Amino acid sequence: MSSYVVGVYSGIAVDLLINTIFEPPLGDAPYLLAILGVQLAVLFGVTLFVYTLFTSTRLFRQGLIGKLLGQHKAYLGIFLVNFALFFAAKLYRVVAALDYDQHLDIWSAPGFFPLYTLQRLFTLAYYYSTLSTCKALVAQIEKES
């Protein structure tokens, strides 16, 4: 298993840890911004590892990037939707922490629960598509070697 795949698995494990343990239901805006920064760093790290796997393929080296992206368009679509929902949910939480009383339960804020639920579902889809894309890219790279 390549070190890039280990990086992807590690990044997803860290993201799961942050999402389940360190992300509080309530919190001050600076703490929420700190968590947002860490999660963004992990998301970009995982994306960088996947990009590195993309660049290791024969199709990428030969300049057939359109064909390579066409093979993995589901991953790219899920990534973009997950990224947009991630920002929307985090921005909503930070604005709620800044605008509302600190004791306001975020779950009673209008529209947060559906946004949060949809974002979590796409995060799961992103985890699955990232791991399956990595597996396919590694198999493609090994077949080319």
C-alpha atoms as a PDB file:
ATOM      1  CA  MET A   1       0.000   0.000   0.000  1.00  0.00           C
ATOM      2  CA  SER A   2       1.458   3.344  -0.973  1.00  0.00           C
ATOM      3  CA  SER A   3       2.154   6.097   1.514  1.00  0.00           C
ATOM      4  CA  TYR A   4      -0.444   8.253  -0.247  1.00  0.00           C
ATOM      5  CA  VAL A   5      -3.187   5.743   0.492  1.00  0.00           C
ATOM      6  CA  VAL A   6      -2.034   5.598   4.115  1.00  0.00           C
ATOM      7  CA  GLY A   7      -2.287   9.402   4.137  1.00  0.00           C
ATOM      8  CA  VAL A   8      -5.843   9.248   2.802  1.00  0.00           C
ATOM      9  CA  TYR A   9      -6.873   6.684   5.410  1.00  0.00           C
ATOM     10  CA  SER A  10      -5.195   8.715   8.159  1.00  0.00           C
ATOM     11  CA  GLY A  11      -6.846  11.926   7.009  1.00  0.00           C
ATOM     12  CA  ILE A  12     -10.272  10.337   6.961  1.00  0.00           C
ATOM     13  CA  ALA A  13      -9.681   8.866  10.426  1.00  0.00           C
ATOM     14  CA  VAL A  14      -8.668  12.292  11.763  1.00  0.00           C
ATOM     15  CA  ASP A  15     -11.697  13.904  10.118  1.00  0.00           C
ATOM     16  CA  LEU A  16     -13.990  11.300  11.674  1.00  0.00           C
ATOM     17  CA  LEU A  17     -12.371  11.892  15.051  1.00  0.00           C
ATOM     18  CA  ILE A  18     -12.858  15.649  14.779  1.00  0.00           C
ATOM     19  CA  ASN A  19     -16.445  15.277  13.570  1.00  0.00           C
ATOM     20  CA  THR A  20     -17.470  12.908  16.332  1.00  0.00           C
ATOM     21  CA  ILE A  21     -15.481  13.985  19.367  1.00  0.00           C
ATOM     22  CA  PHE A  22     -14.114  17.487  19.089  1.00  0.00           C
ATOM     23  CA  GLU A  23     -16.934  19.264  17.292  1.00  0.00           C
ATOM     24  CA  PRO A  24     -19.200  20.590  20.042  1.00  0.00           C
ATOM     25  CA  PRO A  25     -22.960  21.105  19.715  1.00  0.00           C
ATOM     26  CA  LEU A  26     -22.468  24.538  21.289  1.00  0.00           C
ATOM     27  CA  GLY A  27     -19.423  26.727  21.367  1.00  0.00           C
ATOM     28  CA  ASP A  28     -17.877  30.111  21.005  1.00  0.00           C
ATOM     29  CA  ALA A  29     -17.045  31.388  17.548  1.00  0.00           C
ATOM     30  CA  PRO A  30     -13.229  31.267  18.041  1.00  0.00           C
ATOM     31  CA  TYR A  31     -13.380  27.593  19.054  1.00  0.00           C
ATOM     32  CA  LEU A  32     -15.642  26.799  16.099  1.00  0.00           C
ATOM     33  CA  LEU A  33     -13.260  28.652  13.768  1.00  0.00           C
ATOM     34  CA  ALA A  34     -10.317  26.665  15.146  1.00  0.00           C
ATOM     35  CA  ILE A  35     -12.168  23.390  14.506  1.00  0.00           C
ATOM     36  CA  LEU A  36     -13.064  24.664  11.020  1.00  0.00           C
ATOM     37  CA  GLY A  37      -9.388  25.374  10.320  1.00  0.00           C
ATOM     38  CA  VAL A  38      -8.314  21.902  11.382  1.00  0.00           C
ATOM     39  CA  GLN A  39     -11.072  20.269   9.342  1.00  0.00           C
ATOM     40  CA  LEU A  40     -10.149  22.341   6.282  1.00  0.00           C
ATOM     41  CA  ALA A  41      -6.504  21.322   6.653  1.00  0.00           C
ATOM     42  CA  VAL A  42      -7.518  17.647   6.822  1.00  0.00           C
ATOM     43  CA  LEU A  43      -9.863  18.003   3.837  1.00  0.00           C
ATOM     44  CA  PHE A  44      -7.158  19.666   1.749  1.00  0.00           C
ATOM     45  CA  GLY A  45      -4.603  17.079   2.888  1.00  0.00           C
ATOM     46  CA  VAL A  46      -6.786  14.184   1.786  1.00  0.00           C
ATOM     47  CA  THR A  47      -7.485  15.975  -1.493  1.00  0.00           C
ATOM     48  CA  LEU A  48      -3.761  16.502  -2.025  1.00  0.00           C
ATOM     49  CA  PHE A  49      -3.054  12.806  -1.465  1.00  0.00           C
ATOM     50  CA  VAL A  50      -5.771  11.838  -3.969  1.00  0.00           C
ATOM     51  CA  TYR A  51      -4.426  14.399  -6.460  1.00  0.00           C
ATOM     52  CA  THR A  52      -0.967  12.874  -6.067  1.00  0.00           C
ATOM     53  CA  LEU A  53      -2.433   9.474  -6.917  1.00  0.00           C
ATOM     54  CA  PHE A  54      -4.104  11.018  -9.979  1.00  0.00           C
ATOM     55  CA  THR A  55      -0.764  12.437 -11.143  1.00  0.00           C
ATOM     56  CA  SER A  56       0.896   9.029 -10.808  1.00  0.00           C
ATOM     57  CA  THR A  57      -1.306   7.448 -13.484  1.00  0.00           C
ATOM     58  CA  ARG A  58      -0.277   6.905 -17.078  1.00  0.00           C
ATOM     59  CA  LEU A  59      -3.278   8.892 -18.349  1.00  0.00           C
ATOM     60  CA  PHE A  60      -2.208  11.968 -16.407  1.00  0.00           C
ATOM     61  CA  ARG A  61       1.402  11.717 -17.547  1.00  0.00           C
ATOM     62  CA  GLN A  62       0.287  11.406 -21.171  1.00  0.00           C
ATOM     63  CA  GLY A  63      -1.917  14.492 -20.888  1.00  0.00           C
ATOM     64  CA  LEU A  64      -5.224  12.605 -21.098  1.00  0.00           C
ATOM     65  CA  ILE A  65      -6.575  14.422 -18.069  1.00  0.00           C
ATOM     66  CA  GLY A  66     -10.097  14.681 -19.491  1.00  0.00           C
ATOM     67  CA  LYS A  67     -10.300  10.897 -19.831  1.00  0.00           C
ATOM     68  CA  LEU A  68      -8.927  10.403 -16.312  1.00  0.00           C
ATOM     69  CA  LEU A  69     -11.387  12.893 -14.809  1.00  0.00           C
ATOM     70  CA  GLY A  70     -14.202  11.287 -16.798  1.00  0.00           C
ATOM     71  CA  GLN A  71     -13.387   7.959 -15.185  1.00  0.00           C
ATOM     72  CA  HIS A  72     -13.641   9.521 -11.724  1.00  0.00           C
ATOM     73  CA  LYS A  73     -16.363  12.148 -12.245  1.00  0.00           C
ATOM     74  CA  ALA A  74     -18.528  10.721  -9.455  1.00  0.00           C
ATOM     75  CA  TYR A  75     -15.729  11.347  -6.963  1.00  0.00           C
ATOM     76  CA  LEU A  76     -15.192  14.880  -8.229  1.00  0.00           C
ATOM     77  CA  GLY A  77     -18.924  15.672  -8.072  1.00  0.00           C
ATOM     78  CA  ILE A  78     -19.301  14.315  -4.560  1.00  0.00           C
ATOM     79  CA  PHE A  79     -16.176  16.201  -3.484  1.00  0.00           C
ATOM     80  CA  LEU A  80     -17.529  19.518  -4.774  1.00  0.00           C
ATOM     81  CA  VAL A  81     -20.968  19.049  -3.197  1.00  0.00           C
ATOM     82  CA  ASN A  82     -19.419  17.916   0.090  1.00  0.00           C
ATOM     83  CA  PHE A  83     -17.084  20.914   0.092  1.00  0.00           C
ATOM     84  CA  ALA A  84     -19.973  23.355  -0.522  1.00  0.00           C
ATOM     85  CA  LEU A  85     -22.154  21.751   2.171  1.00  0.00           C
ATOM     86  CA  PHE A  86     -19.202  21.678   4.569  1.00  0.00           C
ATOM     87  CA  PHE A  87     -18.710  25.412   4.196  1.00  0.00           C
ATOM     88  CA  ALA A  88     -22.441  26.130   4.427  1.00  0.00           C
ATOM     89  CA  ALA A  89     -22.888  24.150   7.652  1.00  0.00           C
ATOM     90  CA  LYS A  90     -19.752  25.544   9.299  1.00  0.00           C
ATOM     91  CA  LEU A  91     -20.540  29.110   8.284  1.00  0.00           C
ATOM     92  CA  TYR A  92     -24.073  28.723   9.628  1.00  0.00           C
ATOM     93  CA  ARG A  93     -22.702  27.533  12.974  1.00  0.00           C
ATOM     94  CA  VAL A  94     -20.192  30.354  13.272  1.00  0.00           C
ATOM     95  CA  VAL A  95     -22.786  32.992  12.359  1.00  0.00           C
ATOM     96  CA  ALA A  96     -25.218  31.462  14.840  1.00  0.00           C
ATOM     97  CA  ALA A  97     -22.544  31.568  17.545  1.00  0.00           C
ATOM     98  CA  LEU A  98     -21.825  35.225  16.760  1.00  0.00           C
ATOM     99  CA  ASP A  99     -25.402  36.453  16.311  1.00  0.00           C
ATOM    100  CA  TYR A 100     -27.368  34.464  18.846  1.00  0.00           C
ATOM    101  CA  ASP A 101     -27.227  33.965  22.556  1.00  0.00           C
ATOM    102  CA  GLN A 102     -24.461  31.537  23.513  1.00  0.00           C
ATOM    103  CA  HIS A 103     -26.988  29.282  25.228  1.00  0.00           C
ATOM    104  CA  LEU A 104     -29.088  28.876  22.095  1.00  0.00           C
ATOM    105  CA  ASP A 105     -29.302  25.289  21.055  1.00  0.00           C
ATOM    106  CA  ILE A 106     -28.000  25.157  17.483  1.00  0.00           C
ATOM    107  CA  TRP A 107     -30.468  22.402  16.636  1.00  0.00           C
ATOM    108  CA  SER A 108     -33.405  24.774  17.130  1.00  0.00           C
ATOM    109  CA  ALA A 109     -31.948  27.303  14.680  1.00  0.00           C
ATOM    110  CA  PRO A 110     -34.090  27.413  11.518  1.00  0.00           C
ATOM    111  CA  GLY A 111     -32.809  25.167   8.753  1.00  0.00           C
ATOM    112  CA  PHE A 112     -29.698  23.918  10.538  1.00  0.00           C
ATOM    113  CA  PHE A 113     -30.831  20.334  11.143  1.00  0.00           C
ATOM    114  CA  PRO A 114     -31.603  19.565   7.452  1.00  0.00           C
ATOM    115  CA  LEU A 115     -28.384  21.272   6.347  1.00  0.00           C
ATOM    116  CA  TYR A 116     -26.322  19.385   8.939  1.00  0.00           C
ATOM    117  CA  THR A 117     -27.952  16.050   8.065  1.00  0.00           C
ATOM    118  CA  LEU A 118     -27.425  16.548   4.340  1.00  0.00           C
ATOM    119  CA  GLN A 119     -23.819  17.580   4.923  1.00  0.00           C
ATOM    120  CA  ARG A 120     -23.154  14.473   7.041  1.00  0.00           C
ATOM    121  CA  LEU A 121     -24.693  12.193   4.410  1.00  0.00           C
ATOM    122  CA  PHE A 122     -22.510  13.729   1.718  1.00  0.00           C
ATOM    123  CA  THR A 123     -19.498  13.433   4.017  1.00  0.00           C
ATOM    124  CA  LEU A 124     -20.125   9.683   4.252  1.00  0.00           C
ATOM    125  CA  ALA A 125     -20.491   9.515   0.465  1.00  0.00           C
ATOM    126  CA  TYR A 126     -17.256  11.506   0.166  1.00  0.00           C
ATOM    127  CA  TYR A 127     -15.411   9.078   2.468  1.00  0.00           C
ATOM    128  CA  TYR A 128     -16.650   6.093   0.483  1.00  0.00           C
ATOM    129  CA  SER A 129     -15.911   7.631  -2.920  1.00  0.00           C
ATOM    130  CA  THR A 130     -12.463   8.783  -1.780  1.00  0.00           C
ATOM    131  CA  LEU A 131     -11.509   5.310  -0.592  1.00  0.00           C
ATOM    132  CA  SER A 132     -12.911   3.584  -3.681  1.00  0.00           C
ATOM    133  CA  THR A 133     -11.194   6.122  -5.971  1.00  0.00           C
ATOM    134  CA  CYS A 134      -7.889   5.557  -4.162  1.00  0.00           C
ATOM    135  CA  LYS A 135      -8.313   1.820  -4.502  1.00  0.00           C
ATOM    136  CA  ALA A 136      -9.034   2.152  -8.230  1.00  0.00           C
ATOM    137  CA  LEU A 137      -6.105   4.519  -8.790  1.00  0.00           C
ATOM    138  CA  VAL A 138      -3.676   2.275  -6.934  1.00  0.00           C
ATOM    139  CA  ALA A 139      -4.862  -0.736  -8.962  1.00  0.00           C
ATOM    140  CA  GLN A 140      -4.433   1.294 -12.161  1.00  0.00           C
ATOM    141  CA  ILE A 141      -0.938   2.422 -11.144  1.00  0.00           C
ATOM    142  CA  GLU A 142       0.085  -1.146 -10.207  1.00  0.00           C
ATOM    143  CA  LYS A 143      -1.275  -2.484 -13.504  1.00  0.00           C
ATOM    144  CA  GLU A 144       0.756   0.110 -15.423  1.00  0.00           C
ATOM    145  CA  SER A 145       3.979  -0.804 -13.601  1.00  0.00           C
END
